[in-house]
Amino acid sequence: MFGFGMPELIIILVIVLVVFGAGRLPEIGGALGKSIRNFKKASSGKDEIEIKAGRPDDDKKGS
């Protein structure tokens, strides 16, 4: 792909481990996976809107 072999990937992994620490690696992996999944979903060309139920922010019952 970019000429990365196994030694280069190990060096990159060690640098990421030093910079972010072992505790944050699962969070980074999860965020990366979600972003790739969202990118694939957006690039598939489907026009869909996801509506999530939540509490209304502008609900003023007391006024």
N, C-alpha and C. Protein backbone atom coordinates (compact mmCIF):
# COMPACT_ATOMS: atom_id res chain seq x y z
N MET A 1 0.84 -1.18 0.00
CA MET A 1 0.00 0.00 0.00
C MET A 1 0.88 1.24 0.00
N PHE A 2 1.49 1.54 1.10
CA PHE A 2 2.41 2.67 1.17
C PHE A 2 3.84 2.19 1.41
N GLY A 3 4.07 0.92 1.25
CA GLY A 3 5.39 0.37 1.47
C GLY A 3 5.65 0.07 2.94
N PHE A 4 4.59 -0.05 3.75
CA PHE A 4 4.76 -0.38 5.16
C PHE A 4 4.91 -1.88 5.30
N GLY A 5 5.97 -2.28 5.96
CA GLY A 5 6.17 -3.68 6.27
C GLY A 5 5.89 -3.90 7.75
N MET A 6 6.16 -5.08 8.21
CA MET A 6 5.91 -5.41 9.62
C MET A 6 6.79 -4.59 10.57
N PRO A 7 8.07 -4.37 10.30
CA PRO A 7 8.88 -3.55 11.22
C PRO A 7 8.36 -2.11 11.35
N GLU A 8 7.92 -1.52 10.23
CA GLU A 8 7.40 -0.16 10.28
C GLU A 8 6.13 -0.08 11.10
N LEU A 9 5.23 -1.06 10.92
CA LEU A 9 3.98 -1.07 11.68
C LEU A 9 4.23 -1.26 13.18
N ILE A 10 5.22 -2.07 13.53
CA ILE A 10 5.55 -2.26 14.95
C ILE A 10 6.10 -0.97 15.54
N ILE A 11 6.94 -0.26 14.80
CA ILE A 11 7.47 1.02 15.28
C ILE A 11 6.35 2.03 15.48
N ILE A 12 5.42 2.10 14.54
CA ILE A 12 4.28 3.02 14.68
C ILE A 12 3.43 2.65 15.88
N LEU A 13 3.19 1.36 16.10
CA LEU A 13 2.41 0.92 17.26
C LEU A 13 3.10 1.27 18.57
N VAL A 14 4.41 1.12 18.63
CA VAL A 14 5.16 1.48 19.84
C VAL A 14 5.08 2.99 20.09
N ILE A 15 5.18 3.79 19.05
CA ILE A 15 5.08 5.25 19.21
C ILE A 15 3.70 5.64 19.72
N VAL A 16 2.66 5.04 19.16
CA VAL A 16 1.29 5.31 19.61
C VAL A 16 1.11 4.88 21.05
N LEU A 17 1.68 3.76 21.42
CA LEU A 17 1.59 3.26 22.79
C LEU A 17 2.28 4.21 23.76
N VAL A 18 3.42 4.75 23.38
CA VAL A 18 4.15 5.68 24.24
C VAL A 18 3.39 7.01 24.37
N VAL A 19 2.84 7.49 23.27
CA VAL A 19 2.17 8.79 23.28
C VAL A 19 0.86 8.74 24.05
N PHE A 20 0.03 7.73 23.78
CA PHE A 20 -1.31 7.69 24.36
C PHE A 20 -1.41 6.83 25.61
N GLY A 21 -0.54 5.88 25.78
CA GLY A 21 -0.60 4.99 26.94
C GLY A 21 -1.46 3.77 26.66
N ALA A 22 -1.26 2.73 27.45
CA ALA A 22 -1.95 1.47 27.22
C ALA A 22 -3.43 1.56 27.57
N GLY A 23 -3.79 2.41 28.51
CA GLY A 23 -5.19 2.51 28.92
C GLY A 23 -6.09 3.15 27.89
N ARG A 24 -5.55 4.00 27.05
CA ARG A 24 -6.37 4.71 26.07
C ARG A 24 -6.44 4.01 24.72
N LEU A 25 -5.65 2.97 24.51
CA LEU A 25 -5.66 2.28 23.22
C LEU A 25 -7.02 1.69 22.85
N PRO A 26 -7.77 1.06 23.78
CA PRO A 26 -9.11 0.58 23.40
C PRO A 26 -10.06 1.70 22.99
N GLU A 27 -9.97 2.84 23.65
CA GLU A 27 -10.82 3.99 23.28
C GLU A 27 -10.48 4.48 21.88
N ILE A 28 -9.19 4.56 21.60
CA ILE A 28 -8.75 5.03 20.28
C ILE A 28 -9.19 4.04 19.21
N GLY A 29 -9.05 2.75 19.48
CA GLY A 29 -9.48 1.73 18.52
C GLY A 29 -10.98 1.78 18.27
N GLY A 30 -11.75 1.97 19.33
CA GLY A 30 -13.20 2.06 19.18
C GLY A 30 -13.61 3.28 18.37
N ALA A 31 -12.98 4.41 18.66
CA ALA A 31 -13.29 5.63 17.91
C ALA A 31 -12.89 5.50 16.45
N LEU A 32 -11.78 4.86 16.20
CA LEU A 32 -11.34 4.66 14.82
C LEU A 32 -12.30 3.74 14.08
N GLY A 33 -12.75 2.69 14.74
CA GLY A 33 -13.72 1.77 14.13
C GLY A 33 -15.04 2.45 13.82
N LYS A 34 -15.52 3.28 14.75
CA LYS A 34 -16.77 4.00 14.52
C LYS A 34 -16.63 4.98 13.36
N SER A 35 -15.50 5.65 13.29
CA SER A 35 -15.32 6.62 12.22
C SER A 35 -15.23 5.93 10.86
N ILE A 36 -14.57 4.80 10.79
CA ILE A 36 -14.50 4.06 9.53
C ILE A 36 -15.88 3.54 9.13
N ARG A 37 -16.64 3.05 10.11
CA ARG A 37 -18.00 2.55 9.84
C ARG A 37 -18.89 3.69 9.34
N ASN A 38 -18.82 4.85 9.98
CA ASN A 38 -19.62 6.00 9.54
C ASN A 38 -19.20 6.48 8.16
N PHE A 39 -17.91 6.44 7.88
CA PHE A 39 -17.44 6.84 6.55
C PHE A 39 -17.96 5.89 5.48
N LYS A 40 -17.92 4.59 5.74
CA LYS A 40 -18.43 3.62 4.78
C LYS A 40 -19.92 3.80 4.56
N LYS A 41 -20.65 4.06 5.66
CA LYS A 41 -22.09 4.27 5.55
C LYS A 41 -22.39 5.53 4.74
N ALA A 42 -21.63 6.59 4.96
CA ALA A 42 -21.87 7.84 4.25
C ALA A 42 -21.46 7.73 2.79
N SER A 43 -20.44 6.96 2.50
CA SER A 43 -19.98 6.86 1.11
C SER A 43 -20.78 5.86 0.30
N SER A 44 -21.66 5.10 0.95
CA SER A 44 -22.46 4.13 0.21
C SER A 44 -23.54 4.81 -0.62
N GLY A 45 -23.84 6.07 -0.33
CA GLY A 45 -24.78 6.82 -1.14
C GLY A 45 -26.20 6.76 -0.65
N LYS A 46 -26.47 6.09 0.44
CA LYS A 46 -27.83 6.02 0.95
C LYS A 46 -28.16 7.32 1.67
N ASP A 47 -29.31 7.87 1.33
CA ASP A 47 -29.77 9.08 2.00
C ASP A 47 -30.78 8.68 3.07
N GLU A 48 -30.30 8.55 4.26
CA GLU A 48 -31.20 8.20 5.36
C GLU A 48 -30.88 9.10 6.54
N ILE A 49 -31.91 9.41 7.27
CA ILE A 49 -31.77 10.26 8.44
C ILE A 49 -32.09 9.42 9.66
N GLU A 50 -31.18 9.43 10.60
CA GLU A 50 -31.39 8.68 11.83
C GLU A 50 -31.92 9.63 12.90
N ILE A 51 -33.09 9.30 13.41
CA ILE A 51 -33.72 10.13 14.43
C ILE A 51 -33.68 9.36 15.74
N LYS A 52 -33.06 9.98 16.73
CA LYS A 52 -32.96 9.36 18.04
C LYS A 52 -33.87 10.08 19.01
N ALA A 53 -34.57 9.33 19.82
CA ALA A 53 -35.44 9.92 20.81
C ALA A 53 -34.60 10.45 21.96
N GLY A 54 -34.94 11.62 22.41
CA GLY A 54 -34.21 12.23 23.51
C GLY A 54 -35.10 13.21 24.23
N ARG A 55 -34.58 13.78 25.26
CA ARG A 55 -35.39 14.75 25.99
C ARG A 55 -35.35 16.08 25.27
N PRO A 56 -36.47 16.77 25.21
CA PRO A 56 -36.47 18.07 24.54
C PRO A 56 -35.73 19.11 25.37
N ASP A 57 -34.89 19.88 24.72
CA ASP A 57 -34.08 20.88 25.42
C ASP A 57 -34.87 22.17 25.68
N ASP A 58 -35.82 22.47 24.80
CA ASP A 58 -36.54 23.73 24.91
C ASP A 58 -37.87 23.59 25.63
N ASP A 59 -38.06 22.53 26.36
CA ASP A 59 -39.31 22.29 27.06
C ASP A 59 -39.36 23.18 28.32
N LYS A 60 -40.27 24.16 28.30
CA LYS A 60 -40.38 25.09 29.43
C LYS A 60 -41.75 24.91 30.08
N LYS A 61 -41.84 23.99 31.02
CA LYS A 61 -43.10 23.70 31.67
C LYS A 61 -43.41 24.71 32.76
N GLY A 62 -42.41 25.22 33.42
CA GLY A 62 -42.60 26.11 34.55
C GLY A 62 -42.88 27.55 34.17
N SER A 63 -42.63 27.96 32.93
CA SER A 63 -42.79 29.37 32.54
C SER A 63 -44.18 29.65 32.07
